[in-house]
Amino acid sequence: MVPRRASWVANAILICLPVAPLRAQQPSPFAAWAIEAGGASVGSLLPAGIFALAAPNDPCVKPGSDGMVNSACKTSTILGIAAARSVGATVGLWALGKAADTDPSLSGAFLGSLAGIIVGQLAPFRISPNGWPLRIQFSLIHGSVTGLGSWMGK
């Protein structure tokens, strides 16, 4: 049996709670940016992770060539990964933004994604010269700038 005073307090709390609207409210601008940047970061990390797991060794180094790198192969690989990351970040931002009802800008996200590739490459601070920490750091920078592009495109 619940004491009379406890049930009175519970009823007072329930009466004071606001009624939830039929449609969820849109998140604040900062929350919308954070949600969209998170989706873009994950979308940016997926292609890089897939490539890293599929080709753990540098595919542009010819076996038996004493570590010589084919520069044309390296350039095309870097551009291919950059393009895949841009598309992944844009799709990730758009998908998570639509799911969270943040009204994402697809064109702004794509332009922000291209800018994010440049900003990520020019970042003066690097956690490590290679490996997963660098991939994650790049994805966070890339996702943040992509989210900023979507916010500016609204």
N, C-alpha and C. Protein backbone atom coordinates (compact mmCIF):
# COMPACT_ATOMS: atom_id res chain seq x y z
N MET A 1 0.84 -1.18 0.00
CA MET A 1 0.00 0.00 0.00
C MET A 1 0.89 1.25 0.00
N VAL A 2 0.55 2.18 -0.87
CA VAL A 2 1.31 3.42 -1.00
C VAL A 2 0.76 4.43 0.01
N PRO A 3 1.67 5.07 0.77
CA PRO A 3 1.18 6.09 1.71
C PRO A 3 0.44 7.19 0.97
N ARG A 4 -0.53 7.77 1.65
CA ARG A 4 -1.39 8.79 1.06
C ARG A 4 -0.59 10.00 0.56
N ARG A 5 0.41 10.41 1.31
CA ARG A 5 1.22 11.56 0.93
C ARG A 5 2.00 11.28 -0.35
N ALA A 6 2.55 10.06 -0.53
CA ALA A 6 3.32 9.71 -1.72
C ALA A 6 2.42 9.73 -2.96
N SER A 7 1.20 9.25 -2.84
CA SER A 7 0.31 9.25 -4.01
C SER A 7 -0.09 10.68 -4.37
N TRP A 8 -0.22 11.56 -3.38
CA TRP A 8 -0.55 12.96 -3.65
C TRP A 8 0.60 13.62 -4.41
N VAL A 9 1.84 13.36 -4.01
CA VAL A 9 3.01 13.92 -4.67
C VAL A 9 3.10 13.39 -6.11
N ALA A 10 2.88 12.10 -6.29
CA ALA A 10 2.92 11.52 -7.63
C ALA A 10 1.85 12.14 -8.53
N ASN A 11 0.66 12.33 -8.00
CA ASN A 11 -0.41 12.95 -8.80
C ASN A 11 -0.08 14.40 -9.14
N ALA A 12 0.52 15.13 -8.22
CA ALA A 12 0.89 16.52 -8.48
C ALA A 12 1.95 16.59 -9.59
N ILE A 13 2.90 15.66 -9.57
CA ILE A 13 3.93 15.64 -10.61
C ILE A 13 3.30 15.33 -11.96
N LEU A 14 2.42 14.36 -12.00
CA LEU A 14 1.78 13.98 -13.26
C LEU A 14 0.92 15.11 -13.82
N ILE A 15 0.26 15.85 -12.97
CA ILE A 15 -0.58 16.95 -13.43
C ILE A 15 0.28 18.08 -13.99
N CYS A 16 1.45 18.31 -13.40
CA CYS A 16 2.30 19.42 -13.83
C CYS A 16 3.09 19.12 -15.09
N LEU A 17 3.22 17.86 -15.46
CA LEU A 17 3.98 17.53 -16.67
C LEU A 17 3.26 18.06 -17.90
N PRO A 18 3.99 18.65 -18.82
CA PRO A 18 3.35 19.14 -20.04
C PRO A 18 2.91 17.97 -20.91
N VAL A 19 1.88 18.19 -21.64
CA VAL A 19 1.40 17.16 -22.55
C VAL A 19 2.33 17.15 -23.76
N ALA A 20 2.79 15.96 -24.14
CA ALA A 20 3.70 15.83 -25.29
C ALA A 20 2.95 16.17 -26.57
N PRO A 21 3.55 16.95 -27.44
CA PRO A 21 2.88 17.28 -28.70
C PRO A 21 2.77 16.03 -29.58
N LEU A 22 1.87 16.09 -30.55
CA LEU A 22 1.69 14.95 -31.44
C LEU A 22 2.94 14.72 -32.30
N ARG A 23 3.63 15.77 -32.65
CA ARG A 23 4.84 15.67 -33.45
C ARG A 23 6.00 16.19 -32.61
N ALA A 24 7.10 15.47 -32.64
CA ALA A 24 8.25 15.89 -31.85
C ALA A 24 8.76 17.24 -32.34
N GLN A 25 9.27 18.01 -31.40
CA GLN A 25 9.80 19.33 -31.76
C GLN A 25 11.13 19.16 -32.48
N GLN A 26 11.42 20.10 -33.36
CA GLN A 26 12.72 20.07 -34.04
C GLN A 26 13.81 20.40 -33.02
N PRO A 27 14.96 19.76 -33.17
CA PRO A 27 16.05 20.06 -32.24
C PRO A 27 16.58 21.48 -32.45
N SER A 28 17.28 21.97 -31.44
CA SER A 28 17.89 23.30 -31.54
C SER A 28 18.93 23.29 -32.66
N PRO A 29 19.35 24.46 -33.13
CA PRO A 29 20.34 24.48 -34.21
C PRO A 29 21.64 23.75 -33.86
N PHE A 30 22.11 23.90 -32.62
CA PHE A 30 23.33 23.20 -32.23
C PHE A 30 23.11 21.69 -32.19
N ALA A 31 21.97 21.26 -31.65
CA ALA A 31 21.67 19.83 -31.60
C ALA A 31 21.52 19.26 -33.01
N ALA A 32 20.90 20.03 -33.90
CA ALA A 32 20.76 19.58 -35.29
C ALA A 32 22.13 19.43 -35.94
N TRP A 33 23.02 20.40 -35.70
CA TRP A 33 24.38 20.31 -36.25
C TRP A 33 25.10 19.09 -35.68
N ALA A 34 24.98 18.86 -34.37
CA ALA A 34 25.67 17.73 -33.76
C ALA A 34 25.15 16.40 -34.31
N ILE A 35 23.84 16.29 -34.50
CA ILE A 35 23.26 15.07 -35.05
C ILE A 35 23.76 14.86 -36.48
N GLU A 36 23.70 15.90 -37.28
CA GLU A 36 24.12 15.79 -38.67
C GLU A 36 25.63 15.53 -38.78
N ALA A 37 26.42 16.18 -37.94
CA ALA A 37 27.88 15.96 -37.96
C ALA A 37 28.21 14.53 -37.55
N GLY A 38 27.45 13.98 -36.62
CA GLY A 38 27.66 12.59 -36.22
C GLY A 38 27.39 11.63 -37.38
N GLY A 39 26.30 11.87 -38.09
CA GLY A 39 26.00 11.04 -39.25
C GLY A 39 27.05 11.16 -40.33
N ALA A 40 27.53 12.37 -40.55
CA ALA A 40 28.56 12.60 -41.57
C ALA A 40 29.88 11.96 -41.15
N SER A 41 30.21 11.99 -39.87
CA SER A 41 31.46 11.38 -39.40
C SER A 41 31.44 9.87 -39.61
N VAL A 42 30.32 9.26 -39.27
CA VAL A 42 30.20 7.81 -39.49
C VAL A 42 30.23 7.50 -40.98
N GLY A 43 29.52 8.30 -41.76
CA GLY A 43 29.52 8.09 -43.21
C GLY A 43 30.88 8.29 -43.84
N SER A 44 31.70 9.15 -43.25
CA SER A 44 33.05 9.37 -43.75
C SER A 44 33.99 8.24 -43.34
N LEU A 45 33.77 7.69 -42.16
CA LEU A 45 34.66 6.64 -41.66
C LEU A 45 34.43 5.30 -42.36
N LEU A 46 33.20 5.02 -42.78
CA LEU A 46 32.90 3.72 -43.38
C LEU A 46 33.73 3.42 -44.63
N PRO A 47 33.78 4.30 -45.64
CA PRO A 47 34.61 3.96 -46.81
C PRO A 47 36.09 3.79 -46.48
N ALA A 48 36.60 4.62 -45.60
CA ALA A 48 38.01 4.50 -45.22
C ALA A 48 38.26 3.19 -44.49
N GLY A 49 37.35 2.81 -43.63
CA GLY A 49 37.48 1.55 -42.91
C GLY A 49 37.38 0.35 -43.82
N ILE A 50 36.45 0.41 -44.75
CA ILE A 50 36.31 -0.70 -45.71
C ILE A 50 37.58 -0.85 -46.54
N PHE A 51 38.13 0.27 -47.01
CA PHE A 51 39.35 0.21 -47.80
C PHE A 51 40.51 -0.30 -46.96
N ALA A 52 40.62 0.14 -45.71
CA ALA A 52 41.73 -0.28 -44.86
C ALA A 52 41.65 -1.78 -44.55
N LEU A 53 40.43 -2.29 -44.38
CA LEU A 53 40.29 -3.71 -44.09
C LEU A 53 40.46 -4.56 -45.36
N ALA A 54 40.03 -4.01 -46.50
CA ALA A 54 40.15 -4.76 -47.75
C ALA A 54 41.59 -4.78 -48.28
N ALA A 55 42.31 -3.72 -48.07
CA ALA A 55 43.69 -3.62 -48.56
C ALA A 55 44.61 -3.18 -47.43
N PRO A 56 44.96 -4.10 -46.50
CA PRO A 56 45.79 -3.69 -45.37
C PRO A 56 47.19 -3.22 -45.78
N ASN A 57 47.70 -3.73 -46.89
CA ASN A 57 49.00 -3.27 -47.40
C ASN A 57 48.75 -2.26 -48.51
N ASP A 58 49.69 -1.41 -48.74
CA ASP A 58 49.55 -0.39 -49.78
C ASP A 58 49.44 -1.07 -51.15
N PRO A 59 48.31 -0.90 -51.84
CA PRO A 59 48.16 -1.57 -53.14
C PRO A 59 49.02 -0.95 -54.25
N CYS A 60 49.62 0.18 -53.97
CA CYS A 60 50.42 0.86 -55.00
C CYS A 60 51.90 0.50 -54.94
N VAL A 61 52.28 -0.34 -54.00
CA VAL A 61 53.66 -0.80 -53.91
C VAL A 61 53.74 -2.14 -54.63
N LYS A 62 54.57 -2.19 -55.66
CA LYS A 62 54.72 -3.42 -56.42
C LYS A 62 55.57 -4.41 -55.63
N PRO A 63 55.13 -5.67 -55.57
CA PRO A 63 55.94 -6.66 -54.86
C PRO A 63 57.33 -6.79 -55.50
N GLY A 64 58.34 -6.85 -54.68
CA GLY A 64 59.71 -7.00 -55.16
C GLY A 64 60.31 -5.73 -55.72
N SER A 65 59.65 -4.57 -55.52
CA SER A 65 60.19 -3.32 -56.08
C SER A 65 60.93 -2.51 -55.03
N ASP A 66 61.24 -3.13 -53.91
CA ASP A 66 61.99 -2.47 -52.84
C ASP A 66 61.27 -1.24 -52.29
N GLY A 67 59.94 -1.29 -52.20
CA GLY A 67 59.17 -0.21 -51.62
C GLY A 67 58.86 0.94 -52.55
N MET A 68 59.12 0.80 -53.82
CA MET A 68 58.83 1.86 -54.78
C MET A 68 57.31 2.00 -54.93
N VAL A 69 56.83 3.22 -54.89
CA VAL A 69 55.39 3.49 -54.97
C VAL A 69 55.08 4.06 -56.34
N ASN A 70 54.05 3.52 -56.96
CA ASN A 70 53.57 4.05 -58.24
C ASN A 70 52.76 5.31 -57.93
N SER A 71 53.26 6.49 -58.32
CA SER A 71 52.61 7.74 -57.94
C SER A 71 51.24 7.91 -58.59
N ALA A 72 51.06 7.44 -59.81
CA ALA A 72 49.74 7.54 -60.46
C ALA A 72 48.72 6.68 -59.72
N CYS A 73 49.15 5.50 -59.29
CA CYS A 73 48.26 4.63 -58.51
C CYS A 73 47.92 5.27 -57.18
N LYS A 74 48.90 5.85 -56.53
CA LYS A 74 48.68 6.49 -55.23
C LYS A 74 47.71 7.66 -55.34
N THR A 75 47.87 8.47 -56.38
CA THR A 75 46.99 9.62 -56.59
C THR A 75 45.56 9.17 -56.83
N SER A 76 45.40 8.17 -57.70
CA SER A 76 44.04 7.70 -57.98
C SER A 76 43.41 7.04 -56.76
N THR A 77 44.20 6.37 -55.94
CA THR A 77 43.67 5.76 -54.72
C THR A 77 43.21 6.84 -53.74
N ILE A 78 44.02 7.86 -53.55
CA ILE A 78 43.67 8.94 -52.62
C ILE A 78 42.42 9.68 -53.10
N LEU A 79 42.35 9.96 -54.40
CA LEU A 79 41.17 10.65 -54.94
C LEU A 79 39.92 9.77 -54.84
N GLY A 80 40.09 8.47 -55.06
CA GLY A 80 38.95 7.55 -54.94
C GLY A 80 38.43 7.48 -53.52
N ILE A 81 39.34 7.41 -52.55
CA ILE A 81 38.92 7.38 -51.14
C ILE A 81 38.28 8.71 -50.76
N ALA A 82 38.83 9.82 -51.23
CA ALA A 82 38.24 11.14 -50.93
C ALA A 82 36.83 11.24 -51.50
N ALA A 83 36.63 10.76 -52.72
CA ALA A 83 35.30 10.80 -53.32
C ALA A 83 34.33 9.91 -52.54
N ALA A 84 34.79 8.72 -52.18
CA ALA A 84 33.92 7.81 -51.41
C ALA A 84 33.58 8.40 -50.05
N ARG A 85 34.55 9.06 -49.42
CA ARG A 85 34.29 9.69 -48.12
C ARG A 85 33.31 10.85 -48.25
N SER A 86 33.43 11.62 -49.33
CA SER A 86 32.50 12.74 -49.53
C SER A 86 31.07 12.24 -49.72
N VAL A 87 30.93 11.22 -50.54
CA VAL A 87 29.59 10.65 -50.75
C VAL A 87 29.08 10.02 -49.46
N GLY A 88 29.94 9.28 -48.76
CA GLY A 88 29.54 8.64 -47.51
C GLY A 88 29.12 9.66 -46.45
N ALA A 89 29.87 10.75 -46.33
CA ALA A 89 29.54 11.78 -45.34
C ALA A 89 28.22 12.46 -45.70
N THR A 90 28.01 12.73 -46.98
CA THR A 90 26.77 13.38 -47.40
C THR A 90 25.57 12.48 -47.15
N VAL A 91 25.69 11.22 -47.51
CA VAL A 91 24.58 10.26 -47.30
C VAL A 91 24.35 10.04 -45.81
N GLY A 92 25.43 9.91 -45.03
CA GLY A 92 25.28 9.72 -43.59
C GLY A 92 24.60 10.89 -42.91
N LEU A 93 24.99 12.10 -43.29
CA LEU A 93 24.36 13.31 -42.74
C LEU A 93 22.89 13.36 -43.12
N TRP A 94 22.60 13.12 -44.38
CA TRP A 94 21.22 13.21 -44.84
C TRP A 94 20.34 12.15 -44.17
N ALA A 95 20.85 10.92 -44.07
CA ALA A 95 20.05 9.83 -43.47
C ALA A 95 19.77 10.08 -41.99
N LEU A 96 20.79 10.45 -41.23
CA LEU A 96 20.58 10.69 -39.80
C LEU A 96 19.80 11.97 -39.58
N GLY A 97 20.02 12.97 -40.42
CA GLY A 97 19.26 14.22 -40.31
C GLY A 97 17.79 14.00 -40.59
N LYS A 98 17.47 13.21 -41.60
CA LYS A 98 16.06 12.91 -41.89
C LYS A 98 15.43 12.11 -40.76
N ALA A 99 16.18 11.14 -40.22
CA ALA A 99 15.64 10.32 -39.13
C ALA A 99 15.38 11.15 -37.88
N ALA A 100 16.22 12.16 -37.63
CA ALA A 100 16.07 13.01 -36.44
C ALA A 100 15.26 14.26 -36.73
N ASP A 101 14.77 14.42 -37.95
CA ASP A 101 13.94 15.56 -38.34
C ASP A 101 14.67 16.89 -38.13
N THR A 102 15.92 16.95 -38.66
CA THR A 102 16.68 18.19 -38.55
C THR A 102 16.62 19.03 -39.82
N ASP A 103 15.92 18.56 -40.83
CA ASP A 103 15.78 19.26 -42.11
C ASP A 103 17.14 19.54 -42.73
N PRO A 104 17.91 18.45 -43.07
CA PRO A 104 19.25 18.67 -43.61
C PRO A 104 19.22 19.22 -45.04
N SER A 105 20.26 19.96 -45.37
CA SER A 105 20.42 20.49 -46.72
C SER A 105 21.37 19.57 -47.48
N LEU A 106 20.86 18.89 -48.51
CA LEU A 106 21.69 17.95 -49.25
C LEU A 106 22.79 18.66 -50.02
N SER A 107 22.47 19.78 -50.67
CA SER A 107 23.49 20.51 -51.43
C SER A 107 24.53 21.13 -50.49
N GLY A 108 24.06 21.69 -49.37
CA GLY A 108 24.99 22.25 -48.39
C GLY A 108 25.89 21.18 -47.79
N ALA A 109 25.32 19.99 -47.57
CA ALA A 109 26.11 18.89 -47.02
C ALA A 109 27.18 18.45 -48.01
N PHE A 110 26.83 18.39 -49.29
CA PHE A 110 27.81 17.96 -50.28
C PHE A 110 28.94 18.98 -50.40
N LEU A 111 28.59 20.25 -50.45
CA LEU A 111 29.64 21.29 -50.53
C LEU A 111 30.48 21.31 -49.25
N GLY A 112 29.82 21.15 -48.11
CA GLY A 112 30.55 21.07 -46.85
C GLY A 112 31.45 19.85 -46.79
N SER A 113 31.01 18.76 -47.42
CA SER A 113 31.82 17.55 -47.45
C SER A 113 33.09 17.75 -48.27
N LEU A 114 32.95 18.42 -49.39
CA LEU A 114 34.15 18.72 -50.19
C LEU A 114 35.10 19.63 -49.42
N ALA A 115 34.54 20.64 -48.74
CA ALA A 115 35.38 21.52 -47.91
C ALA A 115 35.99 20.74 -46.75
N GLY A 116 35.24 19.79 -46.20
CA GLY A 116 35.74 18.98 -45.09
C GLY A 116 36.93 18.12 -45.48
N ILE A 117 36.94 17.64 -46.72
CA ILE A 117 38.10 16.88 -47.20
C ILE A 117 39.34 17.76 -47.17
N ILE A 118 39.20 19.00 -47.64
CA ILE A 118 40.34 19.93 -47.67
C ILE A 118 40.77 20.30 -46.25
N VAL A 119 39.81 20.62 -45.40
CA VAL A 119 40.15 21.00 -44.02
C VAL A 119 40.79 19.83 -43.28
N GLY A 120 40.28 18.62 -43.51
CA GLY A 120 40.86 17.45 -42.86
C GLY A 120 42.29 17.19 -43.29
N GLN A 121 42.58 17.46 -44.54
CA GLN A 121 43.95 17.28 -45.03
C GLN A 121 44.88 18.37 -44.52
N LEU A 122 44.36 19.56 -44.31
CA LEU A 122 45.20 20.68 -43.88
C LEU A 122 45.27 20.84 -42.37
N ALA A 123 44.59 19.96 -41.64
CA ALA A 123 44.60 20.07 -40.17
C ALA A 123 46.03 20.03 -39.65
N PRO A 124 46.44 21.03 -38.89
CA PRO A 124 47.83 21.10 -38.45
C PRO A 124 48.18 20.09 -37.36
N PHE A 125 47.19 19.54 -36.72
CA PHE A 125 47.46 18.59 -35.64
C PHE A 125 47.07 17.19 -36.11
N ARG A 126 47.95 16.28 -35.89
CA ARG A 126 47.70 14.89 -36.26
C ARG A 126 47.98 14.03 -35.03
N ILE A 127 47.04 13.16 -34.71
CA ILE A 127 47.23 12.27 -33.56
C ILE A 127 48.37 11.30 -33.84
N SER A 128 48.33 10.70 -35.00
CA SER A 128 49.39 9.79 -35.40
C SER A 128 49.57 9.93 -36.91
N PRO A 129 50.72 9.55 -37.41
CA PRO A 129 50.94 9.71 -38.85
C PRO A 129 50.13 8.74 -39.70
N ASN A 130 49.63 7.69 -39.11
CA ASN A 130 48.93 6.69 -39.89
C ASN A 130 48.03 5.86 -38.97
N GLY A 131 47.18 5.06 -39.55
CA GLY A 131 46.40 4.12 -38.77
C GLY A 131 45.01 4.62 -38.40
N TRP A 132 44.36 3.87 -37.53
CA TRP A 132 42.98 4.15 -37.15
C TRP A 132 42.79 5.46 -36.40
N PRO A 133 43.70 5.86 -35.50
CA PRO A 133 43.49 7.17 -34.85
C PRO A 133 43.41 8.32 -35.86
N LEU A 134 44.24 8.27 -36.88
CA LEU A 134 44.21 9.32 -37.91
C LEU A 134 42.91 9.25 -38.71
N ARG A 135 42.45 8.03 -39.03
CA ARG A 135 41.19 7.89 -39.78
C ARG A 135 40.02 8.44 -38.97
N ILE A 136 40.01 8.16 -37.69
CA ILE A 136 38.91 8.63 -36.83
C ILE A 136 38.97 10.15 -36.70
N GLN A 137 40.17 10.70 -36.46
CA GLN A 137 40.31 12.15 -36.35
C GLN A 137 39.88 12.84 -37.63
N PHE A 138 40.29 12.31 -38.78
CA PHE A 138 39.92 12.90 -40.05
C PHE A 138 38.40 12.84 -40.22
N SER A 139 37.78 11.72 -39.84
CA SER A 139 36.33 11.58 -39.99
C SER A 139 35.58 12.57 -39.11
N LEU A 140 36.08 12.82 -37.91
CA LEU A 140 35.42 13.79 -37.02
C LEU A 140 35.52 15.21 -37.59
N ILE A 141 36.70 15.57 -38.11
CA ILE A 141 36.86 16.89 -38.73
C ILE A 141 35.98 16.99 -39.97
N HIS A 142 36.02 15.96 -40.79
CA HIS A 142 35.25 15.94 -42.02
C HIS A 142 33.76 16.03 -41.72
N GLY A 143 33.29 15.27 -40.73
CA GLY A 143 31.88 15.30 -40.37
C GLY A 143 31.44 16.65 -39.81
N SER A 144 32.31 17.26 -39.02
CA SER A 144 31.97 18.57 -38.44
C SER A 144 31.82 19.64 -39.52
N VAL A 145 32.72 19.65 -40.47
CA VAL A 145 32.64 20.64 -41.55
C VAL A 145 31.46 20.33 -42.48
N THR A 146 31.18 19.06 -42.69
CA THR A 146 30.03 18.69 -43.52
C THR A 146 28.73 19.14 -42.84
N GLY A 147 28.64 18.95 -41.53
CA GLY A 147 27.47 19.43 -40.78
C GLY A 147 27.34 20.94 -40.84
N LEU A 148 28.46 21.63 -40.80
CA LEU A 148 28.45 23.08 -40.92
C LEU A 148 27.95 23.51 -42.30
N GLY A 149 28.36 22.76 -43.33
CA GLY A 149 27.89 23.06 -44.69
C GLY A 149 26.38 22.88 -44.81
N SER A 150 25.84 21.83 -44.18
CA SER A 150 24.41 21.61 -44.22
C SER A 150 23.67 22.72 -43.48
N TRP A 151 24.23 23.14 -42.34
CA TRP A 151 23.60 24.22 -41.57
C TRP A 151 23.60 25.52 -42.37
N MET A 152 24.70 25.80 -43.06
CA MET A 152 24.79 27.03 -43.85
C MET A 152 23.87 26.97 -45.08
N GLY A 153 23.60 25.76 -45.57
CA GLY A 153 22.75 25.61 -46.74
C GLY A 153 21.27 25.69 -46.48
N LYS A 154 20.88 25.81 -45.20
CA LYS A 154 19.46 25.86 -44.86
C LYS A 154 18.88 27.25 -45.09
